[in-house]
Protein backbone atom coordinates (compact mmCIF):
# COMPACT_ATOMS: atom_id res chain seq x y z
CA MET A 1 -39.51 -7.12 16.04
CA SER A 2 -37.94 -9.59 13.59
CA THR A 3 -40.03 -11.51 11.05
CA LEU A 4 -39.46 -15.25 10.82
CA LEU A 5 -40.19 -17.77 8.10
CA PRO A 6 -42.20 -19.75 7.00
CA MET A 7 -45.04 -17.74 5.41
CA ASN A 8 -47.08 -17.81 2.22
CA LYS A 9 -45.90 -16.30 -1.05
CA GLU A 10 -48.02 -13.12 -0.97
CA ARG A 11 -47.08 -12.19 2.58
CA TYR A 12 -43.40 -13.00 1.95
CA MET A 13 -43.19 -10.72 -1.10
CA LYS A 14 -45.13 -7.92 0.62
CA LYS A 15 -42.97 -8.09 3.76
CA SER A 16 -39.76 -7.96 1.67
CA LYS A 17 -40.95 -4.75 0.01
CA GLN A 18 -41.83 -3.23 3.37
CA LEU A 19 -38.38 -4.03 4.81
CA LEU A 20 -36.77 -2.29 1.82
CA ASN A 21 -39.14 0.70 2.08
CA GLU A 22 -40.92 -0.13 -1.20
CA SER A 23 -37.65 0.25 -3.10
CA PRO A 24 -38.11 0.12 -6.90
CA ASP A 25 -34.73 -1.65 -7.14
CA LEU A 26 -36.05 -4.79 -5.44
CA ILE A 27 -36.59 -7.42 -8.13
CA GLN A 28 -39.05 -10.21 -7.28
CA LYS A 29 -39.63 -13.19 -9.56
CA ALA A 30 -42.27 -15.70 -8.47
CA PHE A 31 -43.19 -18.76 -10.50
CA LYS A 32 -44.80 -22.17 -10.18
CA HIS A 33 -42.61 -25.22 -10.58
CA GLU A 34 -43.91 -28.77 -10.05
CA GLU A 35 -46.70 -27.43 -7.83
CA GLN A 36 -44.18 -25.35 -5.89
CA ALA A 37 -44.12 -21.57 -5.47
CA ILE A 38 -40.53 -20.33 -5.78
CA ILE A 39 -39.66 -16.67 -5.17
CA VAL A 40 -36.32 -15.24 -6.32
CA GLN A 41 -35.39 -11.81 -4.92
CA TYR A 42 -32.42 -9.50 -5.37
CA ILE A 43 -31.51 -5.82 -5.62
CA ALA A 44 -31.02 -4.89 -9.26
CA TYR A 45 -27.65 -3.15 -9.22
CA GLN A 46 -26.09 -5.26 -6.45
CA VAL A 47 -25.72 -8.65 -8.18
CA GLU A 48 -23.94 -10.10 -11.21
CA LYS A 49 -26.91 -10.60 -13.54
CA GLU A 50 -25.09 -12.87 -15.98
CA LYS A 51 -24.14 -15.30 -13.21
CA LEU A 52 -27.66 -15.08 -11.83
CA GLU A 53 -29.21 -16.07 -15.15
CA ASP A 54 -26.64 -18.74 -16.06
CA GLU A 55 -25.94 -20.34 -12.70
CA VAL A 56 -29.23 -19.92 -10.84
CA MET A 57 -32.32 -19.21 -12.93
CA GLU A 58 -31.51 -21.57 -15.79
CA ILE A 59 -30.85 -24.51 -13.45
CA ILE A 60 -34.06 -23.95 -11.45
CA THR A 61 -36.39 -23.47 -14.43
CA LYS A 62 -35.05 -26.38 -16.51
CA SER A 63 -35.27 -28.95 -13.72
CA ASN A 64 -38.22 -31.38 -13.72
CA HIS A 65 -38.22 -32.37 -10.06
CA LYS A 66 -39.40 -30.67 -6.88
CA TRP A 67 -36.86 -28.45 -5.21
CA SER A 68 -35.80 -28.28 -1.59
CA ASN A 69 -33.28 -26.03 0.16
CA GLU A 70 -30.77 -28.87 0.23
CA ASP A 71 -31.13 -29.40 -3.53
CA LEU A 72 -30.61 -25.69 -4.18
CA ILE A 73 -27.35 -25.67 -2.20
CA ASN A 74 -26.05 -28.91 -3.78
CA LYS A 75 -27.00 -28.31 -7.43
CA ILE A 76 -26.41 -24.59 -7.95
CA PRO A 77 -22.63 -24.10 -8.56
CA ILE A 78 -22.09 -21.18 -6.18
CA THR A 79 -19.84 -21.83 -3.19
CA SER A 80 -20.84 -18.90 -1.00
CA THR A 81 -24.28 -19.91 0.30
CA SER A 82 -26.25 -19.61 3.53
CA GLN A 83 -29.74 -20.20 4.91
CA GLU A 84 -31.71 -17.63 6.85
CA ASP A 85 -35.06 -17.77 8.68
CA ASN A 86 -34.95 -14.12 9.78
CA MET A 87 -36.16 -11.75 7.06
CA ASP A 88 -34.35 -8.74 8.52
CA ARG A 89 -31.01 -10.51 8.25
CA MET A 90 -31.96 -11.85 4.82
CA ILE A 91 -32.60 -8.31 3.53
CA GLN A 92 -29.28 -7.19 5.02
CA GLN A 93 -27.45 -9.85 3.01
CA MET A 94 -29.34 -8.87 -0.15
CA ILE A 95 -28.12 -5.29 0.34
CA HIS A 96 -24.58 -6.68 0.21
CA GLY A 97 -25.18 -8.51 -3.08
CA SER A 98 -26.90 -11.82 -2.26
CA VAL A 99 -29.77 -13.45 -4.17
CA SER A 100 -32.56 -14.86 -2.01
CA ILE A 101 -34.49 -17.96 -3.11
CA TYR A 102 -37.50 -18.97 -1.01
CA ILE A 103 -39.55 -22.11 -1.59
CA GLU A 104 -43.04 -21.61 -0.14
CA GLY A 105 -43.48 -23.69 2.98
CA GLU A 106 -39.78 -23.99 3.82
CA LYS A 107 -38.55 -22.69 7.18
CA GLU A 108 -35.56 -20.87 5.67
CA ALA A 109 -34.63 -18.95 2.54
CA VAL A 110 -31.43 -19.84 0.67
CA LEU A 111 -28.99 -17.00 -0.07
CA PHE A 112 -26.35 -17.07 -2.81
CA ALA A 113 -23.63 -14.40 -2.75
CA LEU A 114 -23.34 -12.84 -6.22
CA PRO A 115 -22.09 -9.32 -5.39
CA LYS A 116 -21.36 -6.90 -8.18
CA GLN A 117 -18.53 -4.65 -7.04
CA GLU A 118 -17.80 -1.41 -8.81
CA HIS A 119 -14.29 -0.16 -8.07
CA ARG A 120 -11.44 1.59 -9.78
CA SER A 121 -8.31 -0.25 -10.82
CA LEU A 122 -5.02 0.01 -8.95
CA ASN A 123 -3.48 3.40 -9.65
CA GLN A 124 -0.58 5.53 -8.49
CA ALA A 125 -0.85 7.02 -5.00
CA GLU A 126 -2.01 10.65 -4.91
CA THR A 127 -1.32 11.79 -1.33
CA GLU A 128 1.92 9.84 -0.72
CA SER A 129 4.22 10.24 -3.69
CA LEU A 130 7.47 8.26 -3.94
CA VAL A 131 10.52 8.52 -6.19
CA PHE A 132 11.74 4.97 -5.48
CA GLY A 133 9.69 1.90 -4.73
CA PRO A 134 6.23 0.59 -5.69
CA GLN A 135 3.83 3.26 -6.92
CA VAL A 136 0.55 1.35 -6.58
CA SER A 137 -2.10 2.47 -4.07
CA PHE A 138 -5.11 0.90 -2.40
CA THR A 139 -8.62 1.21 -3.85
CA GLU A 140 -12.12 1.40 -2.35
CA SER A 141 -12.64 -2.35 -2.83
CA LEU A 142 -11.88 -4.40 0.28
CA ILE A 143 -11.47 -7.58 -1.80
CA THR A 144 -8.92 -5.91 -4.09
CA ASN A 145 -7.01 -4.51 -1.13
CA LEU A 146 -6.92 -7.91 0.59
CA ASN A 147 -5.67 -9.45 -2.63
CA VAL A 148 -2.79 -6.93 -2.78
CA ILE A 149 -1.86 -7.57 0.86
CA ARG A 150 -1.98 -11.35 0.43
CA TRP A 151 0.20 -11.00 -2.63
CA ARG A 152 2.82 -8.92 -0.77
CA LEU A 153 2.66 -10.93 2.49
CA ASP A 154 2.55 -14.41 1.00
CA THR A 155 2.49 -16.38 4.24
CA SER A 156 0.03 -18.50 6.21
CA ASP A 157 1.10 -16.55 9.31
CA LEU A 158 -0.99 -13.58 8.14
CA VAL A 159 -4.20 -13.22 10.18
CA VAL A 160 -7.19 -11.29 8.83
CA GLU A 161 -10.04 -10.90 11.33
CA LYS A 162 -13.50 -9.73 10.29
CA LEU A 163 -15.61 -7.33 12.36
CA ILE A 164 -18.84 -5.45 11.65
CA VAL A 165 -19.13 -1.83 12.82
CA GLY A 166 -22.19 0.43 12.72
CA GLU A 167 -25.66 0.06 14.15
CA ARG A 168 -27.60 1.82 11.39
CA VAL A 169 -25.25 1.47 8.39
CA GLN A 170 -22.95 -1.51 8.83
CA SER A 171 -19.38 -1.54 7.52
CA GLU A 172 -17.02 -4.47 7.26
CA VAL A 173 -13.73 -3.98 9.10
CA ARG A 174 -10.66 -6.23 8.88
CA ILE A 175 -7.85 -6.42 11.43
CA VAL A 176 -4.56 -7.55 9.86
CA TYR A 177 -1.43 -8.79 11.66
CA LEU A 178 1.19 -11.54 11.71
CA LYS A 179 0.28 -14.13 14.33
CA SER A 180 3.84 -15.15 15.24
CA LEU A 181 5.06 -11.55 15.47
CA ALA A 182 2.39 -9.08 16.66
CA ASN A 183 2.12 -8.43 20.38
CA GLU A 184 -1.15 -9.91 21.67
CA GLU A 185 -1.84 -6.88 23.85
CA ASN A 186 -1.68 -4.55 20.82
CA VAL A 187 -3.99 -6.84 18.84
CA GLU A 188 -6.47 -7.16 21.69
CA THR A 189 -6.46 -3.40 22.32
CA MET A 190 -7.25 -2.70 18.67
CA ARG A 191 -9.87 -5.44 18.53
CA GLN A 192 -11.62 -4.39 21.73
CA ARG A 193 -11.74 -0.69 20.85
CA ILE A 194 -13.39 -1.48 17.52
CA LYS A 195 -15.84 -3.95 19.09
CA ASP A 196 -16.83 -1.46 21.80
CA LEU A 197 -17.85 1.22 19.30
CA LYS A 198 -21.51 2.20 19.50
CA VAL A 199 -21.96 4.39 16.44
CA ALA A 200 -24.57 4.67 13.72
CA GLU A 201 -22.03 4.37 10.93
CA VAL A 202 -18.33 4.58 10.09
CA GLU A 203 -17.81 6.50 6.85
CA ASP A 204 -14.09 5.87 6.37
CA THR A 205 -10.92 4.49 7.95
CA SER A 206 -9.93 8.00 9.06
CA VAL A 207 -13.22 8.29 10.97
CA LEU A 208 -12.64 4.91 12.61
CA GLY A 209 -9.14 6.01 13.62
CA GLN A 210 -10.52 9.11 15.35
CA LEU A 211 -13.05 6.97 17.22
CA ILE A 212 -10.49 4.51 18.62
CA GLU A 213 -7.45 6.75 19.23
CA ASP A 214 -6.21 7.35 22.76
CA SER A 215 -6.80 11.12 22.90
CA SER A 216 -9.17 13.16 20.76
CA SER A 217 -8.09 16.51 22.23
CA THR A 218 -4.55 16.59 20.83
CA VAL A 219 -3.68 17.99 17.42
CA PHE A 220 -1.11 15.23 16.87
CA PRO A 221 -2.21 12.08 15.00
CA GLN A 222 -1.69 8.87 17.00
CA LEU A 223 -2.31 6.35 14.23
CA ILE A 224 -0.88 6.40 10.72
CA PHE A 225 -3.20 6.42 7.71
CA THR A 226 -1.70 5.26 4.42
CA GLU A 227 -2.80 4.45 0.89
CA LEU A 228 0.46 2.62 0.07
CA PRO A 229 0.39 -1.21 0.23
CA ASP A 230 4.17 -1.39 0.72
CA ARG A 231 4.06 0.89 3.78
CA PHE A 232 1.12 -1.03 5.22
CA CYS A 233 2.79 -4.42 4.71
CA ASN A 234 6.14 -3.14 5.96
CA SER A 235 4.48 -2.02 9.20
CA ILE A 236 2.73 -5.38 9.58
CA SER A 237 6.11 -7.10 9.10
CA LYS A 238 7.47 -5.04 12.02
CA GLY A 239 4.79 -6.39 14.35
CA ARG A 240 2.21 -3.61 14.10
CA VAL A 241 -1.53 -4.06 13.65
CA GLY A 242 -3.37 -2.85 10.55
CA VAL A 243 -7.05 -2.06 10.03
CA MET A 244 -9.01 -1.96 6.78
CA VAL A 245 -12.54 -0.63 6.23
CA ASP A 246 -14.64 -1.61 3.24
CA LYS A 247 -15.13 1.17 0.67
CA SER A 248 -12.13 3.11 1.99
CA PRO A 249 -8.82 3.46 0.09
CA THR A 250 -6.95 4.35 3.28
CA MET A 251 -5.53 1.86 5.78
CA LEU A 252 -4.83 2.41 9.48
CA ILE A 253 -1.68 1.25 11.33
CA GLY A 254 -0.85 1.24 15.04
CA PRO A 255 0.71 1.58 17.50
CA MET A 256 2.94 4.42 16.31
CA ASN A 257 5.33 6.89 17.87
CA LEU A 258 5.97 10.51 16.93
CA PHE A 259 9.06 9.71 14.85
CA ASN A 260 7.23 7.15 12.68
CA PHE A 261 5.27 10.01 11.10
CA PHE A 262 8.51 11.33 9.58
CA GLU A 263 9.48 8.00 8.04
CA SER A 264 8.91 7.03 4.45
CA THR A 265 9.24 3.63 2.81
CA GLU A 266 11.51 5.43 0.37
CA ASP A 267 14.12 5.49 3.17
CA LEU A 268 14.34 1.69 2.92
CA TYR A 269 14.83 1.69 -0.84
CA MET A 270 17.78 4.10 -0.68
CA ARG A 271 21.24 3.36 0.66
CA TRP A 272 21.30 3.61 4.45
CA ASN A 273 23.40 6.80 4.58
CA MET A 274 21.10 8.58 2.10
CA GLY A 275 18.00 7.39 3.94
CA SER A 276 19.39 8.55 7.30
CA PHE A 277 20.35 11.95 5.89
CA ILE A 278 16.90 12.59 4.42
CA ARG A 279 15.16 11.38 7.59
CA LEU A 280 17.28 13.69 9.76
CA LEU A 281 16.62 16.51 7.28
CA ARG A 282 12.90 16.07 7.92
CA PHE A 283 13.38 16.39 11.69
CA VAL A 284 15.47 19.55 11.23
CA SER A 285 12.84 20.93 8.84
CA MET A 286 10.06 20.35 11.36
CA ALA A 287 12.05 22.13 14.08
CA LEU A 288 12.73 25.10 11.79
CA SER A 289 9.10 25.19 10.71
CA ILE A 290 8.01 25.53 14.34
CA ILE A 291 10.52 28.13 15.60
CA LEU A 292 11.60 30.30 12.62
CA THR A 293 8.63 32.68 12.54
CA PRO A 294 8.22 32.89 16.36
CA MET A 295 11.94 33.71 16.67
CA TYR A 296 11.55 36.54 14.11
CA VAL A 297 8.62 37.95 16.07
CA ALA A 298 10.43 37.63 19.42
CA ALA A 299 13.63 39.23 18.09
CA LEU A 300 11.91 42.26 16.54
CA THR A 301 9.55 42.76 19.49
CA PHE A 302 11.85 42.27 22.50
CA HIS A 303 15.34 41.04 21.61
CA TYR A 304 17.01 43.27 19.00
CA GLU A 305 20.38 42.40 20.58
CA ILE A 306 20.32 38.84 19.17
CA VAL A 307 20.13 40.13 15.59
CA PRO A 308 23.53 40.83 13.91
CA SER A 309 24.06 44.56 13.41
CA THR A 310 24.42 44.29 9.62
CA LEU A 311 21.15 42.40 9.38
CA LEU A 312 19.47 44.77 11.82
CA VAL A 313 19.93 47.67 9.40
CA SER A 314 18.23 45.84 6.52
CA LEU A 315 15.49 44.68 8.89
CA GLY A 316 14.82 48.24 9.95
CA GLN A 317 14.73 49.46 6.35
CA SER A 318 12.35 46.67 5.25
CA ARG A 319 10.00 47.38 8.19
CA ALA A 320 10.15 51.16 7.92
CA THR A 321 6.80 51.40 6.12
CA VAL A 322 5.05 48.44 7.80
CA PRO A 323 2.17 49.75 9.99
CA PHE A 324 1.66 46.51 11.96
CA PRO A 325 3.61 45.08 14.90
CA PRO A 326 5.69 41.97 14.07
CA VAL A 327 3.24 39.53 15.67
CA LEU A 328 0.27 40.78 13.62
CA GLU A 329 2.40 40.95 10.48
CA ALA A 330 3.49 37.31 10.95
CA LEU A 331 -0.04 36.07 11.68
CA LEU A 332 -1.41 37.78 8.55
CA LEU A 333 1.25 36.22 6.32
CA GLU A 334 0.84 32.78 7.91
CA MET A 335 -2.90 32.98 7.31
CA LEU A 336 -2.25 34.03 3.70
CA ILE A 337 -0.04 30.96 3.16
CA GLU A 338 -2.71 28.69 4.64
CA LEU A 339 -5.38 30.24 2.39
CA LEU A 340 -3.22 29.68 -0.69
CA ARG A 341 -2.51 26.09 0.34
CA GLU A 342 -6.17 25.31 0.97
CA ALA A 343 -7.32 26.97 -2.25
CA GLY A 344 -4.69 25.06 -4.25
CA ALA A 345 -5.79 21.76 -2.69
CA ARG A 346 -9.48 22.32 -3.46
CA LEU A 347 -9.10 23.50 -7.06
CA PRO A 348 -8.51 21.09 -9.97
CA THR A 349 -4.89 19.88 -10.11
CA LYS A 350 -3.57 22.07 -12.95
CA VAL A 351 -5.46 25.16 -11.80
CA GLY A 352 -4.45 24.54 -8.18
CA GLN A 353 -0.73 24.39 -9.00
CA THR A 354 -0.95 27.63 -10.98
CA MET A 355 -2.95 29.27 -8.20
CA GLY A 356 -0.37 28.32 -5.57
CA ILE A 357 2.65 29.55 -7.53
CA VAL A 358 1.21 32.67 -9.15
CA GLY A 359 -0.86 33.63 -6.10
CA GLY A 360 2.13 33.36 -3.77
CA ILE A 361 4.41 35.43 -6.02
CA VAL A 362 1.85 38.12 -6.90
CA LEU A 363 0.42 38.55 -3.39
CA GLY A 364 3.85 38.45 -1.75
CA GLN A 365 5.31 41.07 -4.08
CA ALA A 366 2.21 43.24 -3.79
CA ALA A 367 2.27 43.04 0.03
CA VAL A 368 5.91 44.18 0.16
CA GLU A 369 5.35 47.06 -2.28
CA ALA A 370 2.22 48.18 -0.43
CA GLY A 371 4.14 48.23 2.85
CA PHE A 372 2.01 45.60 4.57
CA THR A 373 4.98 43.36 5.34
CA SER A 374 8.75 43.14 5.09
CA ASN A 375 10.52 41.07 2.43
CA ILE A 376 12.60 39.30 5.12
CA LEU A 377 9.46 37.96 6.81
CA ILE A 378 8.19 36.65 3.46
CA ILE A 379 11.42 34.64 3.12
CA ILE A 380 11.03 33.26 6.65
CA ILE A 381 7.35 32.37 6.15
CA ALA A 382 8.15 30.66 2.84
CA LEU A 383 10.95 28.63 4.47
CA SER A 384 8.64 27.59 7.33
CA ALA A 385 5.93 26.51 4.88
CA LEU A 386 8.39 24.53 2.74
CA ALA A 387 9.83 22.84 5.84
CA SER A 388 6.36 21.71 6.99
CA PHE A 389 5.69 20.14 3.58
CA THR A 390 8.62 17.72 3.99
CA ALA A 391 6.61 15.56 6.43
CA PRO A 392 5.55 12.32 4.67
CA SER A 393 2.35 12.32 6.76
CA TYR A 394 -0.17 14.96 5.68
CA LEU A 395 -1.78 14.98 9.13
CA MET A 396 1.55 15.55 10.90
CA GLY A 397 2.46 18.37 8.51
CA THR A 398 -0.89 20.02 9.24
CA ALA A 399 -0.33 19.62 13.00
CA ILE A 400 3.05 21.36 12.71
CA ARG A 401 1.47 24.29 10.83
CA ILE A 402 -1.25 24.66 13.48
CA ILE A 403 1.33 24.71 16.31
CA ARG A 404 3.03 27.75 14.76
CA PHE A 405 0.06 30.05 15.44
CA PRO A 406 0.00 29.86 19.28
CA MET A 407 3.81 30.00 19.30
CA ILE A 408 3.77 33.23 17.27
CA ILE A 409 1.24 34.75 19.67
CA LEU A 410 3.30 33.77 22.74
CA ALA A 411 6.48 35.06 21.07
CA GLY A 412 4.76 38.41 20.42
CA ALA A 413 3.54 38.60 24.04
CA TYR A 414 6.58 37.35 25.99
CA GLY A 415 9.48 37.03 23.54
CA ILE A 416 11.90 34.13 23.90
CA ILE A 417 10.40 33.31 27.31
CA GLY A 418 7.08 32.69 25.53
CA ILE A 419 8.80 30.42 22.98
CA VAL A 420 10.52 28.41 25.73
CA PHE A 421 7.22 28.11 27.60
CA ALA A 422 5.46 26.89 24.42
CA LEU A 423 8.18 24.34 23.65
CA SER A 424 8.15 23.08 27.26
CA PHE A 425 4.37 22.73 27.16
CA LEU A 426 4.67 20.90 23.82
CA VAL A 427 7.19 18.39 25.23
CA ILE A 428 5.05 17.75 28.32
CA HIS A 429 1.99 17.30 26.11
CA LEU A 430 3.81 14.77 23.90
CA LEU A 431 5.07 12.86 26.95
CA LYS A 432 1.46 12.33 28.03
CA GLN A 433 0.30 11.00 24.66
CA LYS A 434 -0.07 7.31 23.82
CA SER A 435 -0.81 5.24 20.74
CA LEU A 436 -2.83 2.11 21.53
CA GLY A 437 -1.54 2.48 25.07
CA ARG A 438 2.12 2.67 23.99
CA PRO A 439 4.39 5.71 24.70
CA TYR A 440 4.18 8.30 21.94
CA LEU A 441 7.75 9.58 22.37
CA SER A 442 9.40 6.16 22.25
CA PRO A 443 12.38 5.54 21.87
CA ILE A 444 13.27 8.88 23.52
CA TYR A 445 10.94 8.18 26.45
CA PRO A 446 11.24 5.51 27.67
CA PHE A 447 14.79 5.57 26.34
CA GLN A 448 15.70 2.68 24.01
CA TRP A 449 19.02 3.31 22.27
CA LYS A 450 18.73 0.28 19.96
CA ASP A 451 15.34 1.45 18.69
CA PHE A 452 16.80 4.62 17.17
CA ASN A 453 17.36 2.60 13.99
CA GLU A 454 13.60 2.04 13.73
CA SER A 455 12.68 5.70 14.02
CA ILE A 456 15.35 8.43 14.02
CA ILE A 457 18.12 7.05 11.77
CA ARG A 458 18.50 4.15 9.36
CA LEU A 459 21.43 1.77 9.78
CA PRO A 460 22.58 -0.80 7.19
CA PHE A 461 20.41 -3.90 7.04
CA GLN A 462 23.32 -5.99 8.34
CA LYS A 463 23.15 -3.98 11.61
CA ASN A 464 19.39 -4.37 11.88
CA ALA A 465 19.17 -7.97 13.08
CA GLU A 466 17.06 -7.23 16.18
CA ARG A 467 13.48 -6.01 16.10
CA SER A 468 12.27 -2.92 17.91
CA LYS A 469 12.13 -3.47 21.68
CA SER A 470 9.36 -0.90 22.14
CA MET A 471 7.08 -2.99 19.89
CA MET A 472 7.52 -6.01 22.20
CA THR A 473 7.14 -8.49 19.34
CA LYS A 474 7.01 -12.23 19.98
CA ASP A 475 10.04 -12.88 17.77
CA LYS A 476 12.88 -10.58 18.86
CA ASP A 477 15.31 -11.37 16.01
CA ARG A 478 14.92 -10.78 12.29
CA TYR A 479 17.87 -13.00 11.41
CA SER A 480 21.24 -14.13 12.72
CA LYS A 481 23.56 -11.14 13.12
CA ASP A 482 26.66 -13.26 12.46
CA LYS A 483 25.21 -14.73 9.26
CA ALA A 484 24.18 -11.30 8.01
CA ASN A 485 27.73 -9.95 8.31
CA GLU A 486 29.33 -13.00 6.72
CA ARG A 487 30.97 -12.41 3.32
CA LYS A 488 32.41 -15.06 1.00
CA ASP A 489 34.29 -14.61 -2.25
CA VAL A 490 33.69 -16.88 -5.22
CA ASP A 491 36.95 -18.78 -4.71
CA ARG A 492 35.95 -19.59 -1.10
CA LEU A 493 32.61 -21.22 -2.01
């Protein structure tokens, strides 16, 4: 049951302590002023103390007249103010950095927002490294992140909606999009899914993404998480919807298709032919990462005839002392690679790099000499691992590595038939997936030839006058195609 004002000074101070569970960080200052009892309350580490002393306490104590709530709001030079008669909501605002001033007898307390925010400065991105382009990353401060986005998208068309998520621990969430561009259905879908959440708390943007995604059973990510402001703003400029969560350095973007997870903003900063080549290289790498090891297992278990005779001899010699069947041999090595990768990620940076390189070389060489595996399989496993690391999205790269395990098992059980079955199942599974209700395999299904430029290849900017049809943006054209292709020499101006 909520507690409402007014009340006397003693009860007010006692009730505030009770609502904050007798917290020692609650600072209460009560004093008499012109026959008035004035109580100032705040949480010690949540407010800017210098501003509190200079802009609040000094003005109140040096005044010679009786105060009212209206006088407090008009004479204290702090713009972010509010009045609250509910003590539960008042305490909630104090937790977020507000100072509460209550004049005994008044029906409401006055709250001044003086939050003290501790956050790191803008640094280089750790999980999404780039060679070309901006290197700055988001921080845990929502205000700082909003400032960066406003700076990059300097337009009044930018909409930032505020939502509160969490029933026990509340978190501030912002939905970001361009009003004249974003499809209303996408915006409403994102907004409604966040509003409908009934959870105790949301720890991070990645947790929020898992709560609102279309399918929680698939291994494939359906929304992109990024710590790069340029990627976030670039996606917003294409008509997508972004989500920010306070105290999280990661932003969420949707809707997305499968091919968007293999894009990098670096593709835009390169020449179009270079960008297209690297993007296609990533697709080829992912395909090789999925099928290389299963094909090795299938060939050595059932289909020796597909292996060239010269290579078959060396394969037989390398496997002469291996006591395990190919499927078990492949699974053991794949697990070893995953262990090395996980250990390298968890150790400190310098130690982790050394662990990954030295551990891979030493264990691989020792395994071959001990006869636990063949040297050809080590090459194949290493190529598969390297290919999976080319994915710009960490989550997509992890999904690709997970897919290899059931494919290896099916290849060991049924050979190439098992691989074909696994690939068919994978395609059917991807056809069923959606991102914010949009097809996950777009522009392949439904087929949109003109959207290939937005996902599979990168054409010159002069050929990119139309926006993606699958995004169904309000404005279909980026610019005039004729004007973009127009060239004038100096003597013709």
